[in-house]
Amino acid sequence: MTMLPHPTLTEHYGTAEEKPEFVNRLFDRAARHYDAVVGWGFLQSGASYRRWALKEHGLRPPHHLLDVACGTGLVAVEAATILGTAENITCLDPSEGMLEVARSKLAAHFILGRAEQLPLPDNSFDFLTMGYALRHVTSLDRTFHEYHRVLKPGGKLLILEITKPIGRVSGLFFRLYFRRIYPFLTLLFTRSHDARNMMRYYWETMDTCVRPDSVLKALSDAGLTQVKRNIVLGLFSEYTAIKAGLATA
């Protein structure tokens, strides 16, 4: 049985099979606004946090990195500063609009593709990242089996995600900001309904996303080991896992 990251949002697409087309169209249209919206929306803290998380979880030269759902390259850019080069970085995303922005930032290898069916050989990467895009896949189990397949033995997985708080007060503020304030300010500052719609969808997927224990179980079921979740500020989830075997780098 396929594990969905969230229930089918029928107000946007009729079936789970129609989700990729909707999501691609959404991000293609709003790609040119993405960096600015994410930047001020998180008080310009995103770059330093991404870089810290990558270092904290062990990214180092001469690792070969696969950044899945790379978007505009925000994670890959920080990885390149750690690795000292973008030559060892492969960026994959299903949105051509997002990839176009990412290509302007770094000389990595870019591939148009989806997490659920990676067009890459087995045992290829020392490190695999996914930044704030887990909610956009169509199947957690297929995605995580693909991650296990392309990682080298001993390779590490790091998934960064935003998780809705379970506390009543924190949950109320989370809902107010991401459902109301963030989309409103996005439209105000960008004058783009496409960008506003992207952030509305951002909220809807966070609101309905499966809880962390389901993500951890899906990672374990895919054959990954040392599966863990680290929580930062009660809001940011860092999911990590290892492909069993002796590391090659």
C-alpha atoms as a PDB file:
ATOM      1  CA  MET A   1       0.000   0.000   0.000  1.00  0.00           C
ATOM      2  CA  THR A   2       1.395   3.405  -0.974  1.00  0.00           C
ATOM      3  CA  MET A   3       2.029   5.803   1.903  1.00  0.00           C
ATOM      4  CA  LEU A   4       1.015   9.319   0.897  1.00  0.00           C
ATOM      5  CA  PRO A   5       2.716  12.306   2.562  1.00  0.00           C
ATOM      6  CA  HIS A   6      -0.740  13.828   2.975  1.00  0.00           C
ATOM      7  CA  PRO A   7      -4.300  13.051   1.808  1.00  0.00           C
ATOM      8  CA  THR A   8      -5.261  13.909  -1.769  1.00  0.00           C
ATOM      9  CA  LEU A   9      -6.141  17.612  -1.890  1.00  0.00           C
ATOM     10  CA  THR A  10      -9.120  17.315  -4.212  1.00  0.00           C
ATOM     11  CA  GLU A  11      -9.663  21.060  -4.421  1.00  0.00           C
ATOM     12  CA  HIS A  12      -6.440  21.195  -6.458  1.00  0.00           C
ATOM     13  CA  TYR A  13      -6.320  17.853  -8.282  1.00  0.00           C
ATOM     14  CA  GLY A  14      -8.691  14.932  -8.611  1.00  0.00           C
ATOM     15  CA  THR A  15      -6.397  11.990  -7.874  1.00  0.00           C
ATOM     16  CA  ALA A  16      -2.929  11.346  -6.490  1.00  0.00           C
ATOM     17  CA  GLU A  17      -1.771  10.597 -10.034  1.00  0.00           C
ATOM     18  CA  GLU A  18      -2.660  14.173 -11.057  1.00  0.00           C
ATOM     19  CA  LYS A  19      -0.655  15.725  -8.216  1.00  0.00           C
ATOM     20  CA  PRO A  20       2.744  15.978 -10.005  1.00  0.00           C
ATOM     21  CA  GLU A  21       1.330  18.003 -12.891  1.00  0.00           C
ATOM     22  CA  PHE A  22      -0.380  20.410 -10.488  1.00  0.00           C
ATOM     23  CA  VAL A  23       2.707  20.839  -8.296  1.00  0.00           C
ATOM     24  CA  ASN A  24       5.028  21.340 -11.277  1.00  0.00           C
ATOM     25  CA  ARG A  25       2.750  23.989 -12.729  1.00  0.00           C
ATOM     26  CA  LEU A  26       2.499  25.726  -9.360  1.00  0.00           C
ATOM     27  CA  PHE A  27       6.271  25.947  -8.877  1.00  0.00           C
ATOM     28  CA  ASP A  28       7.024  26.746 -12.516  1.00  0.00           C
ATOM     29  CA  ARG A  29       4.800  29.820 -12.308  1.00  0.00           C
ATOM     30  CA  ALA A  30       6.176  31.052  -8.994  1.00  0.00           C
ATOM     31  CA  ALA A  31       9.851  30.060  -9.359  1.00  0.00           C
ATOM     32  CA  ARG A  32      11.145  33.599  -9.945  1.00  0.00           C
ATOM     33  CA  HIS A  33       9.649  34.730  -6.615  1.00  0.00           C
ATOM     34  CA  TYR A  34      10.643  31.696  -4.543  1.00  0.00           C
ATOM     35  CA  ASP A  35      13.974  32.860  -3.108  1.00  0.00           C
ATOM     36  CA  ALA A  36      12.683  36.256  -2.025  1.00  0.00           C
ATOM     37  CA  VAL A  37       9.537  34.811  -0.454  1.00  0.00           C
ATOM     38  CA  VAL A  38      11.439  32.149   1.480  1.00  0.00           C
ATOM     39  CA  GLY A  39      14.116  34.637   2.466  1.00  0.00           C
ATOM     40  CA  TRP A  40      11.990  37.230   4.220  1.00  0.00           C
ATOM     41  CA  GLY A  41       9.422  34.651   5.303  1.00  0.00           C
ATOM     42  CA  PHE A  42      12.036  33.018   7.536  1.00  0.00           C
ATOM     43  CA  LEU A  43      13.804  36.256   8.507  1.00  0.00           C
ATOM     44  CA  GLN A  44      16.811  35.579   6.260  1.00  0.00           C
ATOM     45  CA  SER A  45      17.866  32.676   8.503  1.00  0.00           C
ATOM     46  CA  GLY A  46      17.525  29.929   5.920  1.00  0.00           C
ATOM     47  CA  ALA A  47      21.019  29.957   4.399  1.00  0.00           C
ATOM     48  CA  SER A  48      22.868  29.821   7.708  1.00  0.00           C
ATOM     49  CA  TYR A  49      20.554  27.100   9.037  1.00  0.00           C
ATOM     50  CA  ARG A  50      20.931  24.936   5.925  1.00  0.00           C
ATOM     51  CA  ARG A  51      24.710  25.264   6.046  1.00  0.00           C
ATOM     52  CA  TRP A  52      24.765  24.448   9.769  1.00  0.00           C
ATOM     53  CA  ALA A  53      22.530  21.405   9.308  1.00  0.00           C
ATOM     54  CA  LEU A  54      24.655  20.017   6.484  1.00  0.00           C
ATOM     55  CA  LYS A  55      27.833  20.365   8.534  1.00  0.00           C
ATOM     56  CA  GLU A  56      26.227  19.067  11.696  1.00  0.00           C
ATOM     57  CA  HIS A  57      25.091  15.894   9.950  1.00  0.00           C
ATOM     58  CA  GLY A  58      28.437  15.156   8.365  1.00  0.00           C
ATOM     59  CA  LEU A  59      28.653  16.559   4.841  1.00  0.00           C
ATOM     60  CA  ARG A  60      32.323  17.017   3.991  1.00  0.00           C
ATOM     61  CA  PRO A  61      34.767  16.830   1.084  1.00  0.00           C
ATOM     62  CA  PRO A  62      35.041  14.749  -1.051  1.00  0.00           C
ATOM     63  CA  HIS A  63      31.416  13.603  -0.721  1.00  0.00           C
ATOM     64  CA  HIS A  64      29.256  13.221  -3.804  1.00  0.00           C
ATOM     65  CA  LEU A  65      25.892  14.781  -2.990  1.00  0.00           C
ATOM     66  CA  LEU A  66      22.455  14.262  -4.522  1.00  0.00           C
ATOM     67  CA  ASP A  67      20.026  17.083  -3.716  1.00  0.00           C
ATOM     68  CA  VAL A  68      16.534  15.800  -4.502  1.00  0.00           C
ATOM     69  CA  ALA A  69      13.774  18.341  -5.150  1.00  0.00           C
ATOM     70  CA  CYS A  70      16.528  20.937  -5.220  1.00  0.00           C
ATOM     71  CA  GLY A  71      14.157  23.746  -6.166  1.00  0.00           C
ATOM     72  CA  THR A  72      16.096  26.949  -6.745  1.00  0.00           C
ATOM     73  CA  GLY A  73      19.256  25.402  -5.301  1.00  0.00           C
ATOM     74  CA  LEU A  74      19.112  26.807  -1.780  1.00  0.00           C
ATOM     75  CA  VAL A  75      20.470  23.628  -0.167  1.00  0.00           C
ATOM     76  CA  ALA A  76      22.934  22.928  -2.983  1.00  0.00           C
ATOM     77  CA  VAL A  77      24.497  26.398  -2.753  1.00  0.00           C
ATOM     78  CA  GLU A  78      25.272  25.870   0.936  1.00  0.00           C
ATOM     79  CA  ALA A  79      26.572  22.373   0.219  1.00  0.00           C
ATOM     80  CA  ALA A  80      28.953  23.788  -2.383  1.00  0.00           C
ATOM     81  CA  THR A  81      30.463  26.122   0.209  1.00  0.00           C
ATOM     82  CA  ILE A  82      31.170  23.111   2.443  1.00  0.00           C
ATOM     83  CA  LEU A  83      32.496  20.876  -0.331  1.00  0.00           C
ATOM     84  CA  GLY A  84      34.492  23.687  -1.885  1.00  0.00           C
ATOM     85  CA  THR A  85      33.041  22.884  -5.302  1.00  0.00           C
ATOM     86  CA  ALA A  86      29.751  22.155  -7.039  1.00  0.00           C
ATOM     87  CA  GLU A  87      31.311  19.500  -9.274  1.00  0.00           C
ATOM     88  CA  ASN A  88      30.335  16.729  -6.859  1.00  0.00           C
ATOM     89  CA  ILE A  89      26.718  17.914  -6.551  1.00  0.00           C
ATOM     90  CA  THR A  90      23.799  16.558  -8.564  1.00  0.00           C
ATOM     91  CA  CYS A  91      20.573  18.582  -8.344  1.00  0.00           C
ATOM     92  CA  LEU A  92      17.274  16.963  -9.314  1.00  0.00           C
ATOM     93  CA  ASP A  93      13.846  18.577  -9.530  1.00  0.00           C
ATOM     94  CA  PRO A  94      10.629  18.014 -11.531  1.00  0.00           C
ATOM     95  CA  SER A  95      10.074  21.756 -12.103  1.00  0.00           C
ATOM     96  CA  GLU A  96      11.942  23.241 -15.051  1.00  0.00           C
ATOM     97  CA  GLY A  97      11.181  26.713 -13.714  1.00  0.00           C
ATOM     98  CA  MET A  98      12.909  25.996 -10.407  1.00  0.00           C
ATOM     99  CA  LEU A  99      15.858  24.336 -12.140  1.00  0.00           C
ATOM    100  CA  GLU A 100      16.316  27.364 -14.354  1.00  0.00           C
ATOM    101  CA  VAL A 101      16.842  29.535 -11.278  1.00  0.00           C
ATOM    102  CA  ALA A 102      19.156  26.972  -9.677  1.00  0.00           C
ATOM    103  CA  ARG A 103      21.342  26.734 -12.798  1.00  0.00           C
ATOM    104  CA  SER A 104      22.075  30.452 -12.537  1.00  0.00           C
ATOM    105  CA  LYS A 105      23.622  29.970  -9.083  1.00  0.00           C
ATOM    106  CA  LEU A 106      26.079  27.099  -9.301  1.00  0.00           C
ATOM    107  CA  ALA A 107      27.819  24.779 -11.764  1.00  0.00           C
ATOM    108  CA  ALA A 108      26.340  21.538 -10.466  1.00  0.00           C
ATOM    109  CA  HIS A 109      24.881  18.685 -12.517  1.00  0.00           C
ATOM    110  CA  PHE A 110      21.163  19.251 -13.100  1.00  0.00           C
ATOM    111  CA  ILE A 111      18.544  16.610 -13.864  1.00  0.00           C
ATOM    112  CA  LEU A 112      14.816  16.986 -14.517  1.00  0.00           C
ATOM    113  CA  GLY A 113      13.200  14.152 -12.582  1.00  0.00           C
ATOM    114  CA  ARG A 114      11.177  12.957  -9.615  1.00  0.00           C
ATOM    115  CA  ALA A 115      12.143  11.487  -6.266  1.00  0.00           C
ATOM    116  CA  GLU A 116       9.936   8.441  -6.791  1.00  0.00           C
ATOM    117  CA  GLN A 117      11.900   7.328  -9.865  1.00  0.00           C
ATOM    118  CA  LEU A 118      15.456   8.634  -9.781  1.00  0.00           C
ATOM    119  CA  PRO A 119      17.172   8.353 -13.194  1.00  0.00           C
ATOM    120  CA  LEU A 120      20.457   7.499 -11.505  1.00  0.00           C
ATOM    121  CA  PRO A 121      22.508   4.327 -10.947  1.00  0.00           C
ATOM    122  CA  ASP A 122      22.661   2.290  -7.747  1.00  0.00           C
ATOM    123  CA  ASN A 123      25.216   3.078  -5.037  1.00  0.00           C
ATOM    124  CA  SER A 124      26.177   6.477  -6.480  1.00  0.00           C
ATOM    125  CA  PHE A 125      26.130   9.051  -3.658  1.00  0.00           C
ATOM    126  CA  ASP A 126      27.742   9.519  -0.258  1.00  0.00           C
ATOM    127  CA  PHE A 127      25.104  12.010   0.901  1.00  0.00           C
ATOM    128  CA  LEU A 128      21.512  12.720  -0.138  1.00  0.00           C
ATOM    129  CA  THR A 129      19.490  15.773   0.845  1.00  0.00           C
ATOM    130  CA  MET A 130      15.897  16.894   0.467  1.00  0.00           C
ATOM    131  CA  GLY A 131      14.935  20.354   1.662  1.00  0.00           C
ATOM    132  CA  TYR A 132      11.291  21.101   2.524  1.00  0.00           C
ATOM    133  CA  ALA A 133       9.852  19.050  -0.329  1.00  0.00           C
ATOM    134  CA  LEU A 134       8.886  15.742   1.241  1.00  0.00           C
ATOM    135  CA  ARG A 135       5.222  16.820   1.191  1.00  0.00           C
ATOM    136  CA  HIS A 136       5.309  17.100  -2.597  1.00  0.00           C
ATOM    137  CA  VAL A 137       6.136  13.484  -3.472  1.00  0.00           C
ATOM    138  CA  THR A 138       3.403  11.021  -4.388  1.00  0.00           C
ATOM    139  CA  SER A 139       4.682   8.088  -2.329  1.00  0.00           C
ATOM    140  CA  LEU A 140       6.888   8.035   0.756  1.00  0.00           C
ATOM    141  CA  ASP A 141       7.724   4.351   0.424  1.00  0.00           C
ATOM    142  CA  ARG A 142       8.733   4.541  -3.244  1.00  0.00           C
ATOM    143  CA  THR A 143      10.743   7.685  -2.581  1.00  0.00           C
ATOM    144  CA  PHE A 144      12.639   6.183   0.345  1.00  0.00           C
ATOM    145  CA  HIS A 145      13.341   2.940  -1.519  1.00  0.00           C
ATOM    146  CA  GLU A 146      14.863   5.052  -4.291  1.00  0.00           C
ATOM    147  CA  TYR A 147      16.958   6.940  -1.752  1.00  0.00           C
ATOM    148  CA  HIS A 148      18.221   3.651  -0.346  1.00  0.00           C
ATOM    149  CA  ARG A 149      19.042   2.416  -3.849  1.00  0.00           C
ATOM    150  CA  VAL A 150      21.153   5.378  -4.982  1.00  0.00           C
ATOM    151  CA  LEU A 151      23.060   5.869  -1.726  1.00  0.00           C
ATOM    152  CA  LYS A 152      26.413   4.135  -1.395  1.00  0.00           C
ATOM    153  CA  PRO A 153      26.835   1.687   1.490  1.00  0.00           C
ATOM    154  CA  GLY A 154      27.417   3.870   4.533  1.00  0.00           C
ATOM    155  CA  GLY A 155      25.857   6.854   2.740  1.00  0.00           C
ATOM    156  CA  LYS A 156      23.714   9.301   4.688  1.00  0.00           C
ATOM    157  CA  LEU A 157      20.286  10.787   4.112  1.00  0.00           C
ATOM    158  CA  LEU A 158      19.205  14.180   5.469  1.00  0.00           C
ATOM    159  CA  ILE A 159      15.650  15.422   4.998  1.00  0.00           C
ATOM    160  CA  LEU A 160      14.795  18.919   6.236  1.00  0.00           C
ATOM    161  CA  GLU A 161      11.121  19.595   6.808  1.00  0.00           C
ATOM    162  CA  ILE A 162       8.746  21.892   8.674  1.00  0.00           C
ATOM    163  CA  THR A 163       6.430  20.068  11.065  1.00  0.00           C
ATOM    164  CA  LYS A 164       3.240  21.502  12.501  1.00  0.00           C
ATOM    165  CA  PRO A 165       3.595  21.816  16.297  1.00  0.00           C
ATOM    166  CA  ILE A 166       1.317  19.698  18.456  1.00  0.00           C
ATOM    167  CA  GLY A 167       0.988  22.262  21.261  1.00  0.00           C
ATOM    168  CA  ARG A 168      -2.235  24.274  21.361  1.00  0.00           C
ATOM    169  CA  VAL A 169      -0.654  27.741  21.562  1.00  0.00           C
ATOM    170  CA  SER A 170       2.266  27.028  19.233  1.00  0.00           C
ATOM    171  CA  GLY A 171      -0.113  25.319  16.815  1.00  0.00           C
ATOM    172  CA  LEU A 172      -2.362  28.387  16.830  1.00  0.00           C
ATOM    173  CA  PHE A 173       0.508  30.749  15.969  1.00  0.00           C
ATOM    174  CA  PHE A 174       1.790  28.325  13.340  1.00  0.00           C
ATOM    175  CA  ARG A 175      -1.612  28.207  11.697  1.00  0.00           C
ATOM    176  CA  LEU A 176      -2.079  31.978  11.846  1.00  0.00           C
ATOM    177  CA  TYR A 177       1.296  32.696  10.272  1.00  0.00           C
ATOM    178  CA  PHE A 178       1.439  30.061   7.558  1.00  0.00           C
ATOM    179  CA  ARG A 179      -2.249  30.041   6.640  1.00  0.00           C
ATOM    180  CA  ARG A 180      -3.040  33.765   6.832  1.00  0.00           C
ATOM    181  CA  ILE A 181      -0.085  36.089   7.279  1.00  0.00           C
ATOM    182  CA  TYR A 182       2.532  34.474   5.029  1.00  0.00           C
ATOM    183  CA  PRO A 183       0.322  34.159   1.911  1.00  0.00           C
ATOM    184  CA  PHE A 184      -1.038  37.686   2.429  1.00  0.00           C
ATOM    185  CA  LEU A 185       2.446  39.203   2.698  1.00  0.00           C
ATOM    186  CA  THR A 186       3.609  37.159  -0.286  1.00  0.00           C
ATOM    187  CA  LEU A 187       0.904  38.722  -2.460  1.00  0.00           C
ATOM    188  CA  LEU A 188       1.564  42.172  -0.986  1.00  0.00           C
ATOM    189  CA  PHE A 189       5.307  42.121  -1.678  1.00  0.00           C
ATOM    190  CA  THR A 190       5.406  40.204  -4.976  1.00  0.00           C
ATOM    191  CA  ARG A 191       2.098  41.291  -6.533  1.00  0.00           C
ATOM    192  CA  SER A 192       1.980  37.723  -7.815  1.00  0.00           C
ATOM    193  CA  HIS A 193      -1.084  35.550  -7.341  1.00  0.00           C
ATOM    194  CA  ASP A 194       1.034  32.585  -8.419  1.00  0.00           C
ATOM    195  CA  ALA A 195       3.448  33.180  -5.539  1.00  0.00           C
ATOM    196  CA  ARG A 196       0.534  33.640  -3.117  1.00  0.00           C
ATOM    197  CA  ASN A 197      -1.046  30.389  -4.324  1.00  0.00           C
ATOM    198  CA  MET A 198       2.262  28.577  -3.850  1.00  0.00           C
ATOM    199  CA  MET A 199       2.396  29.643  -0.204  1.00  0.00           C
ATOM    200  CA  ARG A 200      -1.233  28.748   0.338  1.00  0.00           C
ATOM    201  CA  TYR A 201      -0.464  25.259  -0.933  1.00  0.00           C
ATOM    202  CA  TYR A 202       2.649  25.244   1.269  1.00  0.00           C
ATOM    203  CA  TRP A 203       0.368  25.650   4.285  1.00  0.00           C
ATOM    204  CA  GLU A 204      -2.196  23.100   3.140  1.00  0.00           C
ATOM    205  CA  THR A 205       0.429  20.377   2.772  1.00  0.00           C
ATOM    206  CA  MET A 206       1.975  21.164   6.163  1.00  0.00           C
ATOM    207  CA  ASP A 207      -1.438  21.156   7.803  1.00  0.00           C
ATOM    208  CA  THR A 208      -2.347  17.708   6.448  1.00  0.00           C
ATOM    209  CA  CYS A 209       1.112  16.085   6.401  1.00  0.00           C
ATOM    210  CA  VAL A 210       1.570  12.702   8.087  1.00  0.00           C
ATOM    211  CA  ARG A 211       3.117  12.861  11.530  1.00  0.00           C
ATOM    212  CA  PRO A 212       6.853  12.272  12.051  1.00  0.00           C
ATOM    213  CA  ASP A 213       6.449   8.721  13.363  1.00  0.00           C
ATOM    214  CA  SER A 214       5.003   7.705   9.976  1.00  0.00           C
ATOM    215  CA  VAL A 215       7.973   9.241   8.182  1.00  0.00           C
ATOM    216  CA  LEU A 216      10.399   7.411  10.475  1.00  0.00           C
ATOM    217  CA  LYS A 217       8.600   4.108   9.921  1.00  0.00           C
ATOM    218  CA  ALA A 218       8.657   4.563   6.140  1.00  0.00           C
ATOM    219  CA  LEU A 219      12.412   5.234   6.261  1.00  0.00           C
ATOM    220  CA  SER A 220      12.995   2.070   8.280  1.00  0.00           C
ATOM    221  CA  ASP A 221      10.713   0.015   6.040  1.00  0.00           C
ATOM    222  CA  ALA A 222      12.804   1.107   3.047  1.00  0.00           C
ATOM    223  CA  GLY A 223      15.826  -0.648   4.573  1.00  0.00           C
ATOM    224  CA  LEU A 224      17.572   2.416   5.961  1.00  0.00           C
ATOM    225  CA  THR A 225      19.202   2.191   9.381  1.00  0.00           C
ATOM    226  CA  GLN A 226      19.956   4.549  12.292  1.00  0.00           C
ATOM    227  CA  VAL A 227      16.731   6.382  11.479  1.00  0.00           C
ATOM    228  CA  LYS A 228      16.345   9.483  13.649  1.00  0.00           C
ATOM    229  CA  ARG A 229      14.512  12.777  13.894  1.00  0.00           C
ATOM    230  CA  ASN A 230      16.106  15.862  15.391  1.00  0.00           C
ATOM    231  CA  ILE A 231      13.786  18.765  16.263  1.00  0.00           C
ATOM    232  CA  VAL A 232      14.953  22.391  16.094  1.00  0.00           C
ATOM    233  CA  LEU A 233      12.897  25.139  17.767  1.00  0.00           C
ATOM    234  CA  GLY A 234       9.950  22.744  17.954  1.00  0.00           C
ATOM    235  CA  LEU A 235       9.296  23.413  14.288  1.00  0.00           C
ATOM    236  CA  PHE A 236      12.065  22.131  12.023  1.00  0.00           C
ATOM    237  CA  SER A 237      12.464  18.384  11.594  1.00  0.00           C
ATOM    238  CA  GLU A 238      15.796  16.892  10.540  1.00  0.00           C
ATOM    239  CA  TYR A 239      15.260  13.284   9.479  1.00  0.00           C
ATOM    240  CA  THR A 240      18.467  11.280   9.117  1.00  0.00           C
ATOM    241  CA  ALA A 241      19.238   7.709   8.121  1.00  0.00           C
ATOM    242  CA  ILE A 242      22.125   5.558   6.898  1.00  0.00           C
ATOM    243  CA  LYS A 243      22.364   2.902   4.217  1.00  0.00           C
ATOM    244  CA  ALA A 244      23.901  -0.110   5.911  1.00  0.00           C
ATOM    245  CA  GLY A 245      27.384  -1.086   4.826  1.00  0.00           C
ATOM    246  CA  LEU A 246      30.935   0.194   4.944  1.00  0.00           C
ATOM    247  CA  ALA A 247      31.340   3.813   3.862  1.00  0.00           C
ATOM    248  CA  THR A 248      33.476   4.298   0.771  1.00  0.00           C
ATOM    249  CA  ALA A 249      34.554   7.885   1.480  1.00  0.00           C
END
